C-alpha atoms as a PDB file:
ATOM      1  CA  UNK A   1     -13.134 -67.060 -17.213  1.00  0.00           C
ATOM      2  CA  UNK A   2     -13.184 -64.582 -20.170  1.00  0.00           C
ATOM      3  CA  UNK A   3     -10.794 -62.228 -19.939  1.00  0.00           C
ATOM      4  CA  UNK A   4     -13.841 -59.666 -18.992  1.00  0.00           C
ATOM      5  CA  UNK A   5     -15.478 -61.661 -16.092  1.00  0.00           C
ATOM      6  CA  UNK A   6     -14.161 -60.105 -12.759  1.00  0.00           C
ATOM      7  CA  UNK A   7     -12.987 -62.489 -10.108  1.00  0.00           C
ATOM      8  CA  UNK A   8     -14.515 -62.555  -7.118  1.00  0.00           C
ATOM      9  CA  UNK A   9     -12.967 -60.701  -4.185  1.00  0.00           C
ATOM     10  CA  UNK A  10     -13.684 -60.564  -0.830  1.00  0.00           C
ATOM     11  CA  UNK A  11     -15.087 -56.674   0.475  1.00  0.00           C
ATOM     12  CA  UNK A  12     -14.206 -53.966   3.148  1.00  0.00           C
ATOM     13  CA  UNK A  13     -11.452 -52.515   3.649  1.00  0.00           C
ATOM     14  CA  UNK A  14      -8.398 -51.628   2.158  1.00  0.00           C
ATOM     15  CA  UNK A  15      -5.681 -53.886   4.032  1.00  0.00           C
ATOM     16  CA  UNK A  16      -1.964 -52.315   4.181  1.00  0.00           C
ATOM     17  CA  UNK A  17       0.315 -54.898   3.065  1.00  0.00           C
ATOM     18  CA  UNK A  18       2.094 -56.448   5.695  1.00  0.00           C
ATOM     19  CA  UNK A  19       5.309 -57.104   6.639  1.00  0.00           C
ATOM     20  CA  UNK A  20       6.666 -59.039   3.406  1.00  0.00           C
ATOM     21  CA  UNK A  21       3.178 -58.523   1.704  1.00  0.00           C
ATOM     22  CA  UNK A  22       3.848 -57.532  -1.657  1.00  0.00           C
ATOM     23  CA  UNK A  23       2.159 -53.721  -2.839  1.00  0.00           C
ATOM     24  CA  UNK A  24       0.403 -53.004  -4.754  1.00  0.00           C
ATOM     25  CA  UNK A  25       2.681 -53.376  -8.354  1.00  0.00           C
ATOM     26  CA  UNK A  26       1.835 -50.507 -11.168  1.00  0.00           C
ATOM     27  CA  UNK A  27       3.499 -50.120 -14.818  1.00  0.00           C
ATOM     28  CA  UNK A  28       2.028 -47.811 -16.997  1.00  0.00           C
ATOM     29  CA  UNK A  29       3.070 -48.621 -20.435  1.00  0.00           C
ATOM     30  CA  UNK A  30       3.581 -46.179 -23.797  1.00  0.00           C
ATOM     31  CA  UNK A  31       5.713 -46.812 -27.562  1.00  0.00           C
ATOM     32  CA  UNK A  32       8.784 -46.432 -25.952  1.00  0.00           C
ATOM     33  CA  UNK A  33       9.366 -45.130 -23.159  1.00  0.00           C
ATOM     34  CA  UNK A  34      10.610 -41.737 -23.003  1.00  0.00           C
ATOM     35  CA  UNK A  35       7.446 -39.645 -23.104  1.00  0.00           C
ATOM     36  CA  UNK A  36       3.639 -40.274 -21.452  1.00  0.00           C
ATOM     37  CA  UNK A  37       4.417 -43.813 -19.430  1.00  0.00           C
ATOM     38  CA  UNK A  38       7.692 -41.608 -17.947  1.00  0.00           C
ATOM     39  CA  UNK A  39       6.087 -39.335 -16.525  1.00  0.00           C
ATOM     40  CA  UNK A  40       3.277 -41.053 -15.852  1.00  0.00           C
ATOM     41  CA  UNK A  41       5.906 -43.016 -13.558  1.00  0.00           C
ATOM     42  CA  UNK A  42       6.855 -39.502 -12.084  1.00  0.00           C
ATOM     43  CA  UNK A  43       2.479 -38.321 -11.697  1.00  0.00           C
ATOM     44  CA  UNK A  44       1.472 -41.534  -9.583  1.00  0.00           C
ATOM     45  CA  UNK A  45       4.330 -41.815  -8.186  1.00  0.00           C
ATOM     46  CA  UNK A  46       4.335 -38.059  -6.617  1.00  0.00           C
ATOM     47  CA  UNK A  47       1.070 -38.543  -5.871  1.00  0.00           C
ATOM     48  CA  UNK A  48       1.646 -41.561  -4.136  1.00  0.00           C
ATOM     49  CA  UNK A  49       4.393 -39.489  -2.317  1.00  0.00           C
ATOM     50  CA  UNK A  50       2.481 -37.161  -1.198  1.00  0.00           C
ATOM     51  CA  UNK A  51      -0.320 -39.434   1.152  1.00  0.00           C
ATOM     52  CA  UNK A  52       3.028 -40.792   2.745  1.00  0.00           C
ATOM     53  CA  UNK A  53       2.141 -44.402   0.684  1.00  0.00           C
ATOM     54  CA  UNK A  54       5.577 -45.454  -1.130  1.00  0.00           C
ATOM     55  CA  UNK A  55       5.479 -49.116   1.023  1.00  0.00           C
ATOM     56  CA  UNK A  56       2.033 -50.084  -0.521  1.00  0.00           C
ATOM     57  CA  UNK A  57       3.350 -49.179  -4.155  1.00  0.00           C
ATOM     58  CA  UNK A  58       5.329 -50.565  -6.795  1.00  0.00           C
ATOM     59  CA  UNK A  59       6.146 -48.758  -9.697  1.00  0.00           C
ATOM     60  CA  UNK A  60       7.521 -48.483 -13.152  1.00  0.00           C
ATOM     61  CA  UNK A  61       7.222 -47.830 -16.808  1.00  0.00           C
ATOM     62  CA  UNK A  62       7.922 -49.705 -20.101  1.00  0.00           C
ATOM     63  CA  UNK A  63       7.635 -49.260 -23.732  1.00  0.00           C
ATOM     64  CA  UNK A  64       5.994 -51.442 -26.101  1.00  0.00           C
ATOM     65  CA  UNK A  65       9.299 -51.479 -27.810  1.00  0.00           C
ATOM     66  CA  UNK A  66      12.987 -51.601 -27.314  1.00  0.00           C
ATOM     67  CA  UNK A  67      13.919 -48.743 -29.465  1.00  0.00           C
ATOM     68  CA  UNK A  68      15.160 -46.294 -26.740  1.00  0.00           C
ATOM     69  CA  UNK A  69      16.422 -49.155 -23.948  1.00  0.00           C
ATOM     70  CA  UNK A  70      18.743 -47.489 -21.222  1.00  0.00           C
ATOM     71  CA  UNK A  71      17.701 -43.863 -22.463  1.00  0.00           C
ATOM     72  CA  UNK A  72      16.736 -41.028 -19.932  1.00  0.00           C
ATOM     73  CA  UNK A  73      12.896 -39.652 -20.754  1.00  0.00           C
ATOM     74  CA  UNK A  74      12.562 -37.190 -23.733  1.00  0.00           C
ATOM     75  CA  UNK A  75      14.335 -34.259 -22.552  1.00  0.00           C
ATOM     76  CA  UNK A  76      11.372 -32.270 -23.796  1.00  0.00           C
ATOM     77  CA  UNK A  77       9.392 -35.228 -21.067  1.00  0.00           C
ATOM     78  CA  UNK A  78      12.429 -34.304 -18.236  1.00  0.00           C
ATOM     79  CA  UNK A  79      11.934 -30.163 -18.304  1.00  0.00           C
ATOM     80  CA  UNK A  80       7.904 -30.407 -18.818  1.00  0.00           C
ATOM     81  CA  UNK A  81       8.174 -32.989 -15.408  1.00  0.00           C
ATOM     82  CA  UNK A  82      10.733 -30.412 -13.348  1.00  0.00           C
ATOM     83  CA  UNK A  83       8.823 -27.447 -14.193  1.00  0.00           C
ATOM     84  CA  UNK A  84       6.169 -29.436 -11.662  1.00  0.00           C
ATOM     85  CA  UNK A  85       8.666 -30.289  -9.140  1.00  0.00           C
ATOM     86  CA  UNK A  86       8.810 -33.578 -10.377  1.00  0.00           C
ATOM     87  CA  UNK A  87      12.597 -35.508 -11.347  1.00  0.00           C
ATOM     88  CA  UNK A  88      11.875 -38.336 -13.926  1.00  0.00           C
ATOM     89  CA  UNK A  89      15.389 -37.726 -15.354  1.00  0.00           C
ATOM     90  CA  UNK A  90      17.169 -41.323 -13.399  1.00  0.00           C
ATOM     91  CA  UNK A  91      14.209 -43.440 -15.234  1.00  0.00           C
ATOM     92  CA  UNK A  92      15.378 -45.708 -17.686  1.00  0.00           C
ATOM     93  CA  UNK A  93      13.602 -46.424 -20.791  1.00  0.00           C
ATOM     94  CA  UNK A  94      13.296 -50.477 -21.370  1.00  0.00           C
ATOM     95  CA  UNK A  95      10.114 -52.901 -23.009  1.00  0.00           C
ATOM     96  CA  UNK A  96       7.656 -55.181 -21.377  1.00  0.00           C
ATOM     97  CA  UNK A  97       9.027 -58.229 -20.367  1.00  0.00           C
ATOM     98  CA  UNK A  98       7.034 -61.396 -20.499  1.00  0.00           C
ATOM     99  CA  UNK A  99       7.566 -61.275 -16.606  1.00  0.00           C
ATOM    100  CA  UNK A 100       5.983 -57.986 -16.406  1.00  0.00           C
ATOM    101  CA  UNK A 101       2.047 -59.579 -16.367  1.00  0.00           C
ATOM    102  CA  UNK A 102       3.437 -61.675 -13.212  1.00  0.00           C
ATOM    103  CA  UNK A 103       5.127 -59.135 -11.496  1.00  0.00           C
ATOM    104  CA  UNK A 104       3.069 -56.090 -11.527  1.00  0.00           C
ATOM    105  CA  UNK A 105      -1.430 -56.463 -10.711  1.00  0.00           C
ATOM    106  CA  UNK A 106      -1.486 -53.435 -12.880  1.00  0.00           C
ATOM    107  CA  UNK A 107       0.523 -52.511 -16.601  1.00  0.00           C
ATOM    108  CA  UNK A 108      -2.003 -49.550 -17.734  1.00  0.00           C
ATOM    109  CA  UNK A 109      -1.474 -48.333 -21.261  1.00  0.00           C
ATOM    110  CA  UNK A 110      -1.262 -44.881 -22.346  1.00  0.00           C
ATOM    111  CA  UNK A 111      -2.917 -45.747 -26.103  1.00  0.00           C
ATOM    112  CA  UNK A 112      -5.287 -48.952 -28.082  1.00  0.00           C
ATOM    113  CA  UNK A 113      -2.359 -50.039 -29.925  1.00  0.00           C
ATOM    114  CA  UNK A 114       0.022 -50.022 -26.636  1.00  0.00           C
ATOM    115  CA  UNK A 115      -2.789 -51.889 -25.303  1.00  0.00           C
ATOM    116  CA  UNK A 116      -3.537 -53.922 -28.057  1.00  0.00           C
ATOM    117  CA  UNK A 117       0.212 -54.860 -27.815  1.00  0.00           C
ATOM    118  CA  UNK A 118      -0.034 -55.904 -24.679  1.00  0.00           C
ATOM    119  CA  UNK A 119      -2.338 -58.481 -24.571  1.00  0.00           C
ATOM    120  CA  UNK A 120      -0.768 -59.691 -27.995  1.00  0.00           C
ATOM    121  CA  UNK A 121       2.848 -60.407 -25.697  1.00  0.00           C
ATOM    122  CA  UNK A 122       0.996 -61.557 -22.468  1.00  0.00           C
ATOM    123  CA  UNK A 123       1.783 -65.088 -21.461  1.00  0.00           C
ATOM    124  CA  UNK A 124      -0.352 -67.624 -20.757  1.00  0.00           C
ATOM    125  CA  UNK A 125       0.282 -67.620 -17.593  1.00  0.00           C
ATOM    126  CA  UNK A 126      -0.183 -63.562 -16.673  1.00  0.00           C
ATOM    127  CA  UNK A 127      -2.173 -62.754 -13.866  1.00  0.00           C
ATOM    128  CA  UNK A 128      -1.557 -58.567 -14.356  1.00  0.00           C
ATOM    129  CA  UNK A 129      -4.828 -56.100 -15.031  1.00  0.00           C
ATOM    130  CA  UNK A 130      -3.953 -55.149 -18.494  1.00  0.00           C
ATOM    131  CA  UNK A 131      -6.104 -51.399 -19.504  1.00  0.00           C
ATOM    132  CA  UNK A 132      -5.885 -47.913 -20.324  1.00  0.00           C
ATOM    133  CA  UNK A 133      -4.814 -46.183 -17.506  1.00  0.00           C
ATOM    134  CA  UNK A 134      -7.385 -43.293 -18.534  1.00  0.00           C
ATOM    135  CA  UNK A 135     -10.063 -46.208 -18.667  1.00  0.00           C
ATOM    136  CA  UNK A 136      -9.343 -47.355 -15.272  1.00  0.00           C
ATOM    137  CA  UNK A 137      -8.584 -44.223 -13.834  1.00  0.00           C
ATOM    138  CA  UNK A 138     -11.778 -41.686 -14.687  1.00  0.00           C
ATOM    139  CA  UNK A 139     -14.026 -44.715 -16.809  1.00  0.00           C
ATOM    140  CA  UNK A 140     -12.844 -42.787 -20.090  1.00  0.00           C
ATOM    141  CA  UNK A 141     -11.348 -45.208 -22.679  1.00  0.00           C
ATOM    142  CA  UNK A 142      -9.642 -42.573 -24.285  1.00  0.00           C
ATOM    143  CA  UNK A 143      -6.230 -42.225 -25.026  1.00  0.00           C
ATOM    144  CA  UNK A 144      -2.884 -40.091 -23.860  1.00  0.00           C
ATOM    145  CA  UNK A 145      -1.811 -38.481 -26.518  1.00  0.00           C
ATOM    146  CA  UNK A 146       1.556 -39.224 -27.461  1.00  0.00           C
ATOM    147  CA  UNK A 147       3.615 -35.566 -27.108  1.00  0.00           C
ATOM    148  CA  UNK A 148       6.584 -36.826 -29.531  1.00  0.00           C
ATOM    149  CA  UNK A 149       6.044 -34.986 -32.018  1.00  0.00           C
ATOM    150  CA  UNK A 150       4.864 -31.847 -30.939  1.00  0.00           C
ATOM    151  CA  UNK A 151       6.063 -29.221 -28.023  1.00  0.00           C
ATOM    152  CA  UNK A 152       6.243 -27.899 -25.007  1.00  0.00           C
ATOM    153  CA  UNK A 153       2.772 -26.991 -24.727  1.00  0.00           C
ATOM    154  CA  UNK A 154       1.555 -30.692 -25.468  1.00  0.00           C
ATOM    155  CA  UNK A 155       4.430 -32.635 -23.103  1.00  0.00           C
ATOM    156  CA  UNK A 156       2.040 -30.273 -20.385  1.00  0.00           C
ATOM    157  CA  UNK A 157      -1.205 -30.796 -21.143  1.00  0.00           C
ATOM    158  CA  UNK A 158       0.240 -34.761 -21.287  1.00  0.00           C
ATOM    159  CA  UNK A 159       1.438 -34.144 -17.810  1.00  0.00           C
ATOM    160  CA  UNK A 160      -1.587 -32.739 -16.670  1.00  0.00           C
ATOM    161  CA  UNK A 161      -3.785 -35.272 -17.325  1.00  0.00           C
ATOM    162  CA  UNK A 162      -1.559 -38.206 -16.193  1.00  0.00           C
ATOM    163  CA  UNK A 163      -1.244 -36.183 -13.021  1.00  0.00           C
ATOM    164  CA  UNK A 164      -5.300 -36.127 -12.710  1.00  0.00           C
ATOM    165  CA  UNK A 165      -5.008 -39.973 -13.968  1.00  0.00           C
ATOM    166  CA  UNK A 166      -2.712 -40.784 -11.079  1.00  0.00           C
ATOM    167  CA  UNK A 167      -4.638 -39.255  -8.217  1.00  0.00           C
ATOM    168  CA  UNK A 168      -7.880 -40.946  -9.377  1.00  0.00           C
ATOM    169  CA  UNK A 169      -6.078 -44.279  -9.934  1.00  0.00           C
ATOM    170  CA  UNK A 170      -4.972 -44.237  -6.179  1.00  0.00           C
ATOM    171  CA  UNK A 171      -8.139 -43.135  -4.720  1.00  0.00           C
ATOM    172  CA  UNK A 172      -9.889 -46.024  -6.565  1.00  0.00           C
ATOM    173  CA  UNK A 173      -6.352 -48.238  -6.400  1.00  0.00           C
ATOM    174  CA  UNK A 174      -6.712 -47.001  -2.082  1.00  0.00           C
ATOM    175  CA  UNK A 175     -10.779 -47.232  -1.927  1.00  0.00           C
ATOM    176  CA  UNK A 176     -11.973 -50.318  -3.972  1.00  0.00           C
ATOM    177  CA  UNK A 177     -10.145 -53.795  -2.755  1.00  0.00           C
ATOM    178  CA  UNK A 178     -10.852 -55.614  -5.404  1.00  0.00           C
ATOM    179  CA  UNK A 179      -8.813 -53.217  -7.704  1.00  0.00           C
ATOM    180  CA  UNK A 180      -5.691 -53.601  -5.571  1.00  0.00           C
ATOM    181  CA  UNK A 181      -4.849 -57.120  -6.009  1.00  0.00           C
ATOM    182  CA  UNK A 182      -3.957 -58.868  -9.592  1.00  0.00           C
ATOM    183  CA  UNK A 183      -6.199 -60.942 -10.872  1.00  0.00           C
ATOM    184  CA  UNK A 184      -6.225 -63.316 -14.603  1.00  0.00           C
ATOM    185  CA  UNK A 185      -4.973 -61.727 -17.462  1.00  0.00           C
ATOM    186  CA  UNK A 186      -8.249 -59.221 -19.019  1.00  0.00           C
ATOM    187  CA  UNK A 187      -8.769 -55.508 -19.761  1.00  0.00           C
ATOM    188  CA  UNK A 188     -10.586 -53.709 -16.713  1.00  0.00           C
ATOM    189  CA  UNK A 189     -11.879 -50.642 -16.646  1.00  0.00           C
END
């Protein structure tokens, strides 16, 4: 089966996880895990909590690099999120690990370079769907811009982008049964 061939899935409503059943795992990835992916994680957590669905999801973020391992998100990302009522200050940067490709159902990259690095890092036994956040959530093969070298307006724009994508991603995961569970390693839209 090629990376782009969908695996057949059962049709029907998306079942609520049974006690002890794995939740849907979603991992957001950017370069250093201090700007975009923490904002995406915070936005998705907020969208999930607003619908009372925390019990159905496992959410995290990571970086392609380990440059900032153990660090909080960038202070500008924390401030931007706080201005919208999101607290991401407790997050800590970590690199993507080989086990993430099995532990998570979805690994969503912020840009093409992150996606290429994820594809290269995926072990042979990977089961996660791997794709661009905006492509999976909105059908747009577009990057979430990196605001690291910019100012507050760019951080705000990124938060708006990932917040919109978080809502649409949640709608897709809840509305399309085939999107809710792991499949063979591949890019998925």
